[in-house]
Every structure is written in structure tokens, then in C-alpha cells.
Amino acid sequence: MYLDAMEFLEEERDAWAPYETLADLTDAQLTQPVADAHGWSGRDLIAHMLAWQGTALDAARELAVNETSATIVRMHADWEARGGEVVNDEINATWGTLPMT
């Protein structure tokens, strides 16, 4: 729990630093799998961040006016039924091939 707003903001900023370094990579570098990232490439990571940010935004909109979120219920059911690897592969197929600019 944070008692100081600046402490929270500084920690948040620091937590995003690794993602910000992706902006400095070339397209070729972004496609290279990284062993320390479980074999994911920078492109994979960006694709997943975009997809899950969209899901989080949809859920936030629903929760702003309802006690539950159909998006969260649907996402959990899909994850359980088909498994994370299938869902992740679909995210990569949908988002991972989009141009970076």
C-alpha cells in the first residue's frame, strides 16, 4: 500500500522502463525470440500488451456501469476452455503481424 502518491508514480514509471526500451529496437530486432522472455519476441510482447489493454479497457467500461463484466467472464471461460497457448497464439496471429508504424 502506498502512502505517498509520488512513490507510487515513480515505481510505476520504473516498471514500464523495460517496455519503453522496445521503442529503440529495429523491426528485425523486434522479431527475434528472447530466451529470458520465454522465447517471446518484442513483437509478441507488444501484441499481447495491446490485446490485453483492449480487454482491460472493455472490462473497465462495463464495470463503470455494472457490478460484473461480460468481457471478464467471457475471457476466463475462453481461457479455461481452450487454454492459454491457443489464446496467446490467436493474439499473435491477430496483432503480431500488424505494421509497427
PDB file of N, CA and C in Angstrom:
ATOM      1  N   MET A   1       0.845  -1.165   0.000  1.00  0.00           N
ATOM      2  CA  MET A   1       0.000   0.000   0.000  1.00  0.00           C
ATOM      3  C   MET A   1       0.897   1.237   0.000  1.00  0.00           C
ATOM      4  N   TYR A   2       0.524   2.179  -0.797  1.00  0.00           N
ATOM      5  CA  TYR A   2       1.300   3.405  -0.914  1.00  0.00           C
ATOM      6  C   TYR A   2       0.684   4.502  -0.061  1.00  0.00           C
ATOM      7  N   LEU A   3       1.533   5.190   0.671  1.00  0.00           N
ATOM      8  CA  LEU A   3       1.093   6.343   1.448  1.00  0.00           C
ATOM      9  C   LEU A   3       1.503   7.639   0.776  1.00  0.00           C
ATOM     10  N   ASP A   4       2.336   7.515  -0.243  1.00  0.00           N
ATOM     11  CA  ASP A   4       2.870   8.668  -0.950  1.00  0.00           C
ATOM     12  C   ASP A   4       2.602   8.492  -2.444  1.00  0.00           C
ATOM     13  N   ALA A   5       1.852   9.393  -3.027  1.00  0.00           N
ATOM     14  CA  ALA A   5       1.496   9.285  -4.448  1.00  0.00           C
ATOM     15  C   ALA A   5       2.724   9.304  -5.341  1.00  0.00           C
ATOM     16  N   MET A   6       3.716  10.101  -5.004  1.00  0.00           N
ATOM     17  CA  MET A   6       4.923  10.175  -5.831  1.00  0.00           C
ATOM     18  C   MET A   6       5.679   8.851  -5.820  1.00  0.00           C
ATOM     19  N   GLU A   7       5.694   8.177  -4.690  1.00  0.00           N
ATOM     20  CA  GLU A   7       6.350   6.869  -4.605  1.00  0.00           C
ATOM     21  C   GLU A   7       5.677   5.890  -5.565  1.00  0.00           C
ATOM     22  N   PHE A   8       4.353   5.899  -5.564  1.00  0.00           N
ATOM     23  CA  PHE A   8       3.606   5.039  -6.480  1.00  0.00           C
ATOM     24  C   PHE A   8       3.939   5.373  -7.928  1.00  0.00           C
ATOM     25  N   LEU A   9       3.895   6.652  -8.276  1.00  0.00           N
ATOM     26  CA  LEU A   9       4.154   7.063  -9.655  1.00  0.00           C
ATOM     27  C   LEU A   9       5.574   6.724 -10.096  1.00  0.00           C
ATOM     28  N   GLU A  10       6.539   6.887  -9.212  1.00  0.00           N
ATOM     29  CA  GLU A  10       7.922   6.554  -9.547  1.00  0.00           C
ATOM     30  C   GLU A  10       8.084   5.056  -9.768  1.00  0.00           C
ATOM     31  N   GLU A  11       7.439   4.257  -8.934  1.00  0.00           N
ATOM     32  CA  GLU A  11       7.522   2.810  -9.094  1.00  0.00           C
ATOM     33  C   GLU A  11       6.840   2.373 -10.391  1.00  0.00           C
ATOM     34  N   GLU A  12       5.710   2.976 -10.698  1.00  0.00           N
ATOM     35  CA  GLU A  12       5.032   2.678 -11.959  1.00  0.00           C
ATOM     36  C   GLU A  12       5.909   3.038 -13.150  1.00  0.00           C
ATOM     37  N   ARG A  13       6.523   4.208 -13.094  1.00  0.00           N
ATOM     38  CA  ARG A  13       7.403   4.643 -14.179  1.00  0.00           C
ATOM     39  C   ARG A  13       8.548   3.653 -14.357  1.00  0.00           C
ATOM     40  N   ASP A  14       9.160   3.250 -13.265  1.00  0.00           N
ATOM     41  CA  ASP A  14      10.274   2.304 -13.323  1.00  0.00           C
ATOM     42  C   ASP A  14       9.830   0.950 -13.870  1.00  0.00           C
ATOM     43  N   ALA A  15       8.615   0.540 -13.534  1.00  0.00           N
ATOM     44  CA  ALA A  15       8.111  -0.748 -14.009  1.00  0.00           C
ATOM     45  C   ALA A  15       7.913  -0.759 -15.520  1.00  0.00           C
ATOM     46  N   TRP A  16       7.637   0.392 -16.114  1.00  0.00           N
ATOM     47  CA  TRP A  16       7.426   0.476 -17.560  1.00  0.00           C
ATOM     48  C   TRP A  16       8.726   0.624 -18.340  1.00  0.00           C
ATOM     49  N   ALA A  17       9.831   0.897 -17.668  1.00  0.00           N
ATOM     50  CA  ALA A  17      11.108   1.137 -18.352  1.00  0.00           C
ATOM     51  C   ALA A  17      11.502   0.018 -19.318  1.00  0.00           C
ATOM     52  N   PRO A  18      11.379  -1.269 -18.944  1.00  0.00           N
ATOM     53  CA  PRO A  18      11.751  -2.313 -19.907  1.00  0.00           C
ATOM     54  C   PRO A  18      10.912  -2.273 -21.187  1.00  0.00           C
ATOM     55  N   TYR A  19       9.650  -1.905 -21.061  1.00  0.00           N
ATOM     56  CA  TYR A  19       8.794  -1.826 -22.244  1.00  0.00           C
ATOM     57  C   TYR A  19       9.180  -0.645 -23.125  1.00  0.00           C
ATOM     58  N   GLU A  20       9.593   0.432 -22.507  1.00  0.00           N
ATOM     59  CA  GLU A  20       9.991   1.612 -23.272  1.00  0.00           C
ATOM     60  C   GLU A  20      11.221   1.339 -24.121  1.00  0.00           C
ATOM     61  N   THR A  21      12.075   0.414 -23.693  1.00  0.00           N
ATOM     62  CA  THR A  21      13.267   0.091 -24.484  1.00  0.00           C
ATOM     63  C   THR A  21      12.904  -0.582 -25.798  1.00  0.00           C
ATOM     64  N   LEU A  22      11.712  -1.147 -25.894  1.00  0.00           N
ATOM     65  CA  LEU A  22      11.279  -1.763 -27.154  1.00  0.00           C
ATOM     66  C   LEU A  22      11.233  -0.738 -28.281  1.00  0.00           C
ATOM     67  N   ALA A  23      10.981   0.516 -27.951  1.00  0.00           N
ATOM     68  CA  ALA A  23      10.896   1.573 -28.965  1.00  0.00           C
ATOM     69  C   ALA A  23      12.234   1.805 -29.653  1.00  0.00           C
ATOM     70  N   ASP A  24      13.324   1.420 -29.014  1.00  0.00           N
ATOM     71  CA  ASP A  24      14.656   1.632 -29.583  1.00  0.00           C
ATOM     72  C   ASP A  24      15.110   0.491 -30.487  1.00  0.00           C
ATOM     73  N   LEU A  25      14.342  -0.590 -30.558  1.00  0.00           N
ATOM     74  CA  LEU A  25      14.737  -1.744 -31.357  1.00  0.00           C
ATOM     75  C   LEU A  25      14.300  -1.593 -32.809  1.00  0.00           C
ATOM     76  N   THR A  26      15.076  -2.183 -33.704  1.00  0.00           N
ATOM     77  CA  THR A  26      14.702  -2.204 -35.118  1.00  0.00           C
ATOM     78  C   THR A  26      13.626  -3.262 -35.324  1.00  0.00           C
ATOM     79  N   ASP A  27      12.962  -3.232 -36.488  1.00  0.00           N
ATOM     80  CA  ASP A  27      11.963  -4.257 -36.796  1.00  0.00           C
ATOM     81  C   ASP A  27      12.577  -5.649 -36.732  1.00  0.00           C
ATOM     82  N   ALA A  28      13.806  -5.783 -37.247  1.00  0.00           N
ATOM     83  CA  ALA A  28      14.476  -7.086 -37.226  1.00  0.00           C
ATOM     84  C   ALA A  28      14.723  -7.547 -35.789  1.00  0.00           C
ATOM     85  N   GLN A  29      15.152  -6.640 -34.932  1.00  0.00           N
ATOM     86  CA  GLN A  29      15.393  -6.992 -33.534  1.00  0.00           C
ATOM     87  C   GLN A  29      14.098  -7.366 -32.822  1.00  0.00           C
ATOM     88  N   LEU A  30      13.005  -6.710 -33.178  1.00  0.00           N
ATOM     89  CA  LEU A  30      11.722  -6.994 -32.537  1.00  0.00           C
ATOM     90  C   LEU A  30      11.198  -8.384 -32.864  1.00  0.00           C
ATOM     91  N   THR A  31      11.651  -8.975 -33.949  1.00  0.00           N
ATOM     92  CA  THR A  31      11.158 -10.302 -34.337  1.00  0.00           C
ATOM     93  C   THR A  31      11.982 -11.436 -33.742  1.00  0.00           C
ATOM     94  N   GLN A  32      13.108 -11.117 -33.122  1.00  0.00           N
ATOM     95  CA  GLN A  32      13.987 -12.155 -32.570  1.00  0.00           C
ATOM     96  C   GLN A  32      13.464 -12.645 -31.224  1.00  0.00           C
ATOM     97  N   PRO A  33      13.284 -13.972 -31.084  1.00  0.00           N
ATOM     98  CA  PRO A  33      12.885 -14.509 -29.783  1.00  0.00           C
ATOM     99  C   PRO A  33      13.973 -14.248 -28.737  1.00  0.00           C
ATOM    100  N   VAL A  34      13.546 -14.036 -27.506  1.00  0.00           N
ATOM    101  CA  VAL A  34      14.470 -13.763 -26.405  1.00  0.00           C
ATOM    102  C   VAL A  34      14.318 -14.882 -25.375  1.00  0.00           C
ATOM    103  N   ALA A  35      15.413 -15.586 -25.123  1.00  0.00           N
ATOM    104  CA  ALA A  35      15.364 -16.727 -24.203  1.00  0.00           C
ATOM    105  C   ALA A  35      14.841 -16.324 -22.826  1.00  0.00           C
ATOM    106  N   ASP A  36      15.301 -15.186 -22.312  1.00  0.00           N
ATOM    107  CA  ASP A  36      14.874 -14.741 -20.980  1.00  0.00           C
ATOM    108  C   ASP A  36      13.409 -14.313 -20.937  1.00  0.00           C
ATOM    109  N   ALA A  37      12.777 -14.191 -22.089  1.00  0.00           N
ATOM    110  CA  ALA A  37      11.354 -13.824 -22.158  1.00  0.00           C
ATOM    111  C   ALA A  37      10.524 -15.034 -22.596  1.00  0.00           C
ATOM    112  N   HIS A  38      10.979 -16.217 -22.202  1.00  0.00           N
ATOM    113  CA  HIS A  38      10.277 -17.466 -22.520  1.00  0.00           C
ATOM    114  C   HIS A  38      10.139 -17.677 -24.024  1.00  0.00           C
ATOM    115  N   GLY A  39      11.110 -17.164 -24.773  1.00  0.00           N
ATOM    116  CA  GLY A  39      11.093 -17.330 -26.218  1.00  0.00           C
ATOM    117  C   GLY A  39      10.230 -16.329 -26.962  1.00  0.00           C
ATOM    118  N   TRP A  40       9.631 -15.402 -26.252  1.00  0.00           N
ATOM    119  CA  TRP A  40       8.811 -14.378 -26.899  1.00  0.00           C
ATOM    120  C   TRP A  40       9.718 -13.326 -27.515  1.00  0.00           C
ATOM    121  N   SER A  41       9.255 -12.755 -28.599  1.00  0.00           N
ATOM    122  CA  SER A  41       9.967 -11.635 -29.215  1.00  0.00           C
ATOM    123  C   SER A  41       9.368 -10.322 -28.708  1.00  0.00           C
ATOM    124  N   GLY A  42      10.027  -9.228 -29.032  1.00  0.00           N
ATOM    125  CA  GLY A  42       9.476  -7.919 -28.697  1.00  0.00           C
ATOM    126  C   GLY A  42       8.123  -7.711 -29.350  1.00  0.00           C
ATOM    127  N   ARG A  43       7.983  -8.192 -30.588  1.00  0.00           N
ATOM    128  CA  ARG A  43       6.700  -8.095 -31.296  1.00  0.00           C
ATOM    129  C   ARG A  43       5.614  -8.865 -30.560  1.00  0.00           C
ATOM    130  N   ASP A  44       5.959 -10.070 -30.084  1.00  0.00           N
ATOM    131  CA  ASP A  44       4.990 -10.866 -29.322  1.00  0.00           C
ATOM    132  C   ASP A  44       4.524 -10.092 -28.092  1.00  0.00           C
ATOM    133  N   LEU A  45       5.474  -9.513 -27.390  1.00  0.00           N
ATOM    134  CA  LEU A  45       5.155  -8.767 -26.173  1.00  0.00           C
ATOM    135  C   LEU A  45       4.256  -7.572 -26.469  1.00  0.00           C
ATOM    136  N   ILE A  46       4.588  -6.825 -27.505  1.00  0.00           N
ATOM    137  CA  ILE A  46       3.777  -5.660 -27.881  1.00  0.00           C
ATOM    138  C   ILE A  46       2.366  -6.101 -28.269  1.00  0.00           C
ATOM    139  N   ALA A  47       2.264  -7.186 -29.040  1.00  0.00           N
ATOM    140  CA  ALA A  47       0.951  -7.700 -29.452  1.00  0.00           C
ATOM    141  C   ALA A  47       0.103  -8.046 -28.240  1.00  0.00           C
ATOM    142  N   HIS A  48       0.700  -8.721 -27.270  1.00  0.00           N
ATOM    143  CA  HIS A  48      -0.053  -9.119 -26.085  1.00  0.00           C
ATOM    144  C   HIS A  48      -0.437  -7.925 -25.233  1.00  0.00           C
ATOM    145  N   MET A  49       0.440  -6.960 -25.131  1.00  0.00           N
ATOM    146  CA  MET A  49       0.099  -5.760 -24.362  1.00  0.00           C
ATOM    147  C   MET A  49      -1.087  -5.038 -24.991  1.00  0.00           C
ATOM    148  N   LEU A  50      -1.087  -4.912 -26.311  1.00  0.00           N
ATOM    149  CA  LEU A  50      -2.201  -4.241 -26.989  1.00  0.00           C
ATOM    150  C   LEU A  50      -3.507  -5.009 -26.806  1.00  0.00           C
ATOM    151  N   ALA A  51      -3.452  -6.310 -27.005  1.00  0.00           N
ATOM    152  CA  ALA A  51      -4.666  -7.121 -26.894  1.00  0.00           C
ATOM    153  C   ALA A  51      -5.239  -7.075 -25.479  1.00  0.00           C
ATOM    154  N   TRP A  52      -4.386  -7.249 -24.477  1.00  0.00           N
ATOM    155  CA  TRP A  52      -4.876  -7.277 -23.103  1.00  0.00           C
ATOM    156  C   TRP A  52      -5.256  -5.895 -22.603  1.00  0.00           C
ATOM    157  N   GLN A  53      -4.620  -4.853 -23.112  1.00  0.00           N
ATOM    158  CA  GLN A  53      -5.049  -3.491 -22.768  1.00  0.00           C
ATOM    159  C   GLN A  53      -6.463  -3.254 -23.299  1.00  0.00           C
ATOM    160  N   GLY A  54      -6.734  -3.747 -24.496  1.00  0.00           N
ATOM    161  CA  GLY A  54      -8.081  -3.628 -25.056  1.00  0.00           C
ATOM    162  C   GLY A  54      -9.105  -4.362 -24.212  1.00  0.00           C
ATOM    163  N   THR A  55      -8.752  -5.563 -23.772  1.00  0.00           N
ATOM    164  CA  THR A  55      -9.642  -6.338 -22.910  1.00  0.00           C
ATOM    165  C   THR A  55      -9.875  -5.611 -21.589  1.00  0.00           C
ATOM    166  N   ALA A  56      -8.809  -5.077 -21.013  1.00  0.00           N
ATOM    167  CA  ALA A  56      -8.935  -4.350 -19.742  1.00  0.00           C
ATOM    168  C   ALA A  56      -9.809  -3.105 -19.901  1.00  0.00           C
ATOM    169  N   LEU A  57      -9.660  -2.410 -21.018  1.00  0.00           N
ATOM    170  CA  LEU A  57     -10.473  -1.217 -21.264  1.00  0.00           C
ATOM    171  C   LEU A  57     -11.949  -1.587 -21.412  1.00  0.00           C
ATOM    172  N   ASP A  58     -12.231  -2.658 -22.157  1.00  0.00           N
ATOM    173  CA  ASP A  58     -13.617  -3.118 -22.295  1.00  0.00           C
ATOM    174  C   ASP A  58     -14.202  -3.472 -20.929  1.00  0.00           C
ATOM    175  N   ALA A  59     -13.426  -4.188 -20.118  1.00  0.00           N
ATOM    176  CA  ALA A  59     -13.896  -4.579 -18.785  1.00  0.00           C
ATOM    177  C   ALA A  59     -14.127  -3.349 -17.909  1.00  0.00           C
ATOM    178  N   ALA A  60     -13.240  -2.378 -17.975  1.00  0.00           N
ATOM    179  CA  ALA A  60     -13.396  -1.159 -17.170  1.00  0.00           C
ATOM    180  C   ALA A  60     -14.664  -0.407 -17.556  1.00  0.00           C
ATOM    181  N   ARG A  61     -14.944  -0.348 -18.849  1.00  0.00           N
ATOM    182  CA  ARG A  61     -16.181   0.322 -19.295  1.00  0.00           C
ATOM    183  C   ARG A  61     -17.409  -0.381 -18.730  1.00  0.00           C
ATOM    184  N   GLU A  62     -17.391  -1.711 -18.767  1.00  0.00           N
ATOM    185  CA  GLU A  62     -18.531  -2.472 -18.259  1.00  0.00           C
ATOM    186  C   GLU A  62     -18.671  -2.311 -16.745  1.00  0.00           C
ATOM    187  N   LEU A  63     -17.542  -2.354 -16.045  1.00  0.00           N
ATOM    188  CA  LEU A  63     -17.582  -2.246 -14.588  1.00  0.00           C
ATOM    189  C   LEU A  63     -17.926  -0.843 -14.110  1.00  0.00           C
ATOM    190  N   ALA A  64     -17.793   0.139 -14.978  1.00  0.00           N
ATOM    191  CA  ALA A  64     -18.180   1.507 -14.616  1.00  0.00           C
ATOM    192  C   ALA A  64     -19.689   1.631 -14.470  1.00  0.00           C
ATOM    193  N   VAL A  65     -20.440   0.738 -15.119  1.00  0.00           N
ATOM    194  CA  VAL A  65     -21.902   0.832 -15.079  1.00  0.00           C
ATOM    195  C   VAL A  65     -22.582  -0.446 -14.581  1.00  0.00           C
ATOM    196  N   ASN A  66     -21.807  -1.492 -14.332  1.00  0.00           N
ATOM    197  CA  ASN A  66     -22.352  -2.768 -13.866  1.00  0.00           C
ATOM    198  C   ASN A  66     -21.467  -3.332 -12.761  1.00  0.00           C
ATOM    199  N   GLU A  67     -22.008  -4.287 -12.018  1.00  0.00           N
ATOM    200  CA  GLU A  67     -21.215  -4.935 -10.975  1.00  0.00           C
ATOM    201  C   GLU A  67     -20.335  -6.037 -11.530  1.00  0.00           C
ATOM    202  N   THR A  68     -20.645  -6.516 -12.712  1.00  0.00           N
ATOM    203  CA  THR A  68     -19.852  -7.572 -13.336  1.00  0.00           C
ATOM    204  C   THR A  68     -19.478  -7.154 -14.751  1.00  0.00           C
ATOM    205  N   SER A  69     -18.530  -7.872 -15.302  1.00  0.00           N
ATOM    206  CA  SER A  69     -18.064  -7.590 -16.657  1.00  0.00           C
ATOM    207  C   SER A  69     -18.237  -8.827 -17.526  1.00  0.00           C
ATOM    208  N   ALA A  70     -19.036  -8.702 -18.568  1.00  0.00           N
ATOM    209  CA  ALA A  70     -19.207  -9.804 -19.515  1.00  0.00           C
ATOM    210  C   ALA A  70     -17.883 -10.131 -20.198  1.00  0.00           C
ATOM    211  N   THR A  71     -17.053  -9.126 -20.418  1.00  0.00           N
ATOM    212  CA  THR A  71     -15.748  -9.345 -21.048  1.00  0.00           C
ATOM    213  C   THR A  71     -14.880 -10.248 -20.185  1.00  0.00           C
ATOM    214  N   ILE A  72     -14.836  -9.989 -18.884  1.00  0.00           N
ATOM    215  CA  ILE A  72     -14.025 -10.810 -17.984  1.00  0.00           C
ATOM    216  C   ILE A  72     -14.568 -12.232 -17.926  1.00  0.00           C
ATOM    217  N   VAL A  73     -15.875 -12.375 -17.817  1.00  0.00           N
ATOM    218  CA  VAL A  73     -16.490 -13.701 -17.779  1.00  0.00           C
ATOM    219  C   VAL A  73     -16.159 -14.462 -19.059  1.00  0.00           C
ATOM    220  N   ARG A  74     -16.320 -13.804 -20.196  1.00  0.00           N
ATOM    221  CA  ARG A  74     -16.040 -14.423 -21.494  1.00  0.00           C
ATOM    222  C   ARG A  74     -14.564 -14.801 -21.619  1.00  0.00           C
ATOM    223  N   MET A  75     -13.677 -13.904 -21.194  1.00  0.00           N
ATOM    224  CA  MET A  75     -12.245 -14.156 -21.293  1.00  0.00           C
ATOM    225  C   MET A  75     -11.834 -15.344 -20.431  1.00  0.00           C
ATOM    226  N   HIS A  76     -12.321 -15.401 -19.199  1.00  0.00           N
ATOM    227  CA  HIS A  76     -11.989 -16.522 -18.317  1.00  0.00           C
ATOM    228  C   HIS A  76     -12.517 -17.839 -18.878  1.00  0.00           C
ATOM    229  N   ALA A  77     -13.735 -17.838 -19.382  1.00  0.00           N
ATOM    230  CA  ALA A  77     -14.315 -19.056 -19.948  1.00  0.00           C
ATOM    231  C   ALA A  77     -13.520 -19.521 -21.165  1.00  0.00           C
ATOM    232  N   ASP A  78     -13.138 -18.589 -22.022  1.00  0.00           N
ATOM    233  CA  ASP A  78     -12.355 -18.916 -23.213  1.00  0.00           C
ATOM    234  C   ASP A  78     -10.999 -19.493 -22.817  1.00  0.00           C
ATOM    235  N   TRP A  79     -10.345 -18.862 -21.851  1.00  0.00           N
ATOM    236  CA  TRP A  79      -9.028 -19.308 -21.388  1.00  0.00           C
ATOM    237  C   TRP A  79      -9.122 -20.730 -20.828  1.00  0.00           C
ATOM    238  N   GLU A  80     -10.159 -20.986 -20.026  1.00  0.00           N
ATOM    239  CA  GLU A  80     -10.339 -22.315 -19.435  1.00  0.00           C
ATOM    240  C   GLU A  80     -10.680 -23.365 -20.490  1.00  0.00           C
ATOM    241  N   ALA A  81     -11.537 -23.009 -21.434  1.00  0.00           N
ATOM    242  CA  ALA A  81     -11.997 -23.971 -22.438  1.00  0.00           C
ATOM    243  C   ALA A  81     -10.908 -24.328 -23.449  1.00  0.00           C
ATOM    244  N   ARG A  82     -10.178 -23.329 -23.912  1.00  0.00           N
ATOM    245  CA  ARG A  82      -9.222 -23.572 -24.996  1.00  0.00           C
ATOM    246  C   ARG A  82      -7.772 -23.565 -24.552  1.00  0.00           C
ATOM    247  N   GLY A  83      -7.498 -22.997 -23.407  1.00  0.00           N
ATOM    248  CA  GLY A  83      -6.132 -22.955 -22.903  1.00  0.00           C
ATOM    249  C   GLY A  83      -5.391 -21.701 -23.322  1.00  0.00           C
ATOM    250  N   GLY A  84      -4.445 -21.318 -22.478  1.00  0.00           N
ATOM    251  CA  GLY A  84      -3.694 -20.094 -22.699  1.00  0.00           C
ATOM    252  C   GLY A  84      -2.859 -20.094 -23.961  1.00  0.00           C
ATOM    253  N   GLU A  85      -2.293 -21.244 -24.319  1.00  0.00           N
ATOM    254  CA  GLU A  85      -1.454 -21.274 -25.518  1.00  0.00           C
ATOM    255  C   GLU A  85      -2.259 -20.965 -26.770  1.00  0.00           C
ATOM    256  N   VAL A  86      -3.470 -21.503 -26.858  1.00  0.00           N
ATOM    257  CA  VAL A  86      -4.319 -21.242 -28.024  1.00  0.00           C
ATOM    258  C   VAL A  86      -4.702 -19.768 -28.072  1.00  0.00           C
ATOM    259  N   VAL A  87      -5.104 -19.220 -26.931  1.00  0.00           N
ATOM    260  CA  VAL A  87      -5.479 -17.804 -26.873  1.00  0.00           C
ATOM    261  C   VAL A  87      -4.281 -16.933 -27.241  1.00  0.00           C
ATOM    262  N   ASN A  88      -3.115 -17.236 -26.675  1.00  0.00           N
ATOM    263  CA  ASN A  88      -1.914 -16.460 -26.989  1.00  0.00           C
ATOM    264  C   ASN A  88      -1.543 -16.560 -28.464  1.00  0.00           C
ATOM    265  N   ASP A  89      -1.662 -17.756 -29.040  1.00  0.00           N
ATOM    266  CA  ASP A  89      -1.363 -17.917 -30.467  1.00  0.00           C
ATOM    267  C   ASP A  89      -2.306 -17.075 -31.328  1.00  0.00           C
ATOM    268  N   GLU A  90      -3.580 -17.006 -30.943  1.00  0.00           N
ATOM    269  CA  GLU A  90      -4.533 -16.174 -31.688  1.00  0.00           C
ATOM    270  C   GLU A  90      -4.197 -14.693 -31.560  1.00  0.00           C
ATOM    271  N   ILE A  91      -3.771 -14.282 -30.378  1.00  0.00           N
ATOM    272  CA  ILE A  91      -3.359 -12.885 -30.197  1.00  0.00           C
ATOM    273  C   ILE A  91      -2.195 -12.577 -31.125  1.00  0.00           C
ATOM    274  N   ASN A  92      -1.212 -13.472 -31.165  1.00  0.00           N
ATOM    275  CA  ASN A  92      -0.067 -13.255 -32.056  1.00  0.00           C
ATOM    276  C   ASN A  92      -0.498 -13.207 -33.511  1.00  0.00           C
ATOM    277  N   ALA A  93      -1.413 -14.080 -33.909  1.00  0.00           N
ATOM    278  CA  ALA A  93      -1.870 -14.102 -35.299  1.00  0.00           C
ATOM    279  C   ALA A  93      -2.614 -12.820 -35.654  1.00  0.00           C
ATOM    280  N   THR A  94      -3.389 -12.295 -34.730  1.00  0.00           N
ATOM    281  CA  THR A  94      -4.175 -11.086 -34.987  1.00  0.00           C
ATOM    282  C   THR A  94      -3.339  -9.821 -34.893  1.00  0.00           C
ATOM    283  N   TRP A  95      -2.583  -9.685 -33.835  1.00  0.00           N
ATOM    284  CA  TRP A  95      -1.873  -8.444 -33.545  1.00  0.00           C
ATOM    285  C   TRP A  95      -0.409  -8.460 -33.970  1.00  0.00           C
ATOM    286  N   GLY A  96       0.212  -9.621 -33.953  1.00  0.00           N
ATOM    287  CA  GLY A  96       1.649  -9.709 -34.171  1.00  0.00           C
ATOM    288  C   GLY A  96       2.115  -9.422 -35.577  1.00  0.00           C
ATOM    289  N   THR A  97       1.208  -9.443 -36.524  1.00  0.00           N
ATOM    290  CA  THR A  97       1.599  -9.209 -37.920  1.00  0.00           C
ATOM    291  C   THR A  97       1.324  -7.780 -38.379  1.00  0.00           C
ATOM    292  N   LEU A  98       0.735  -6.970 -37.521  1.00  0.00           N
ATOM    293  CA  LEU A  98       0.428  -5.590 -37.905  1.00  0.00           C
ATOM    294  C   LEU A  98       1.712  -4.779 -38.048  1.00  0.00           C
ATOM    295  N   PRO A  99       1.722  -3.805 -38.959  1.00  0.00           N
ATOM    296  CA  PRO A  99       2.916  -2.964 -39.101  1.00  0.00           C
ATOM    297  C   PRO A  99       3.185  -2.179 -37.823  1.00  0.00           C
ATOM    298  N   MET A 100       4.446  -1.929 -37.567  1.00  0.00           N
ATOM    299  CA  MET A 100       4.847  -1.226 -36.349  1.00  0.00           C
ATOM    300  C   MET A 100       4.664   0.284 -36.456  1.00  0.00           C
ATOM    301  N   THR A 101       4.487   0.798 -37.641  1.00  0.00           N
ATOM    302  CA  THR A 101       4.319   2.248 -37.795  1.00  0.00           C
ATOM    303  C   THR A 101       2.997   2.582 -38.430  1.00  0.00           C
TER     304      THR A 101
END
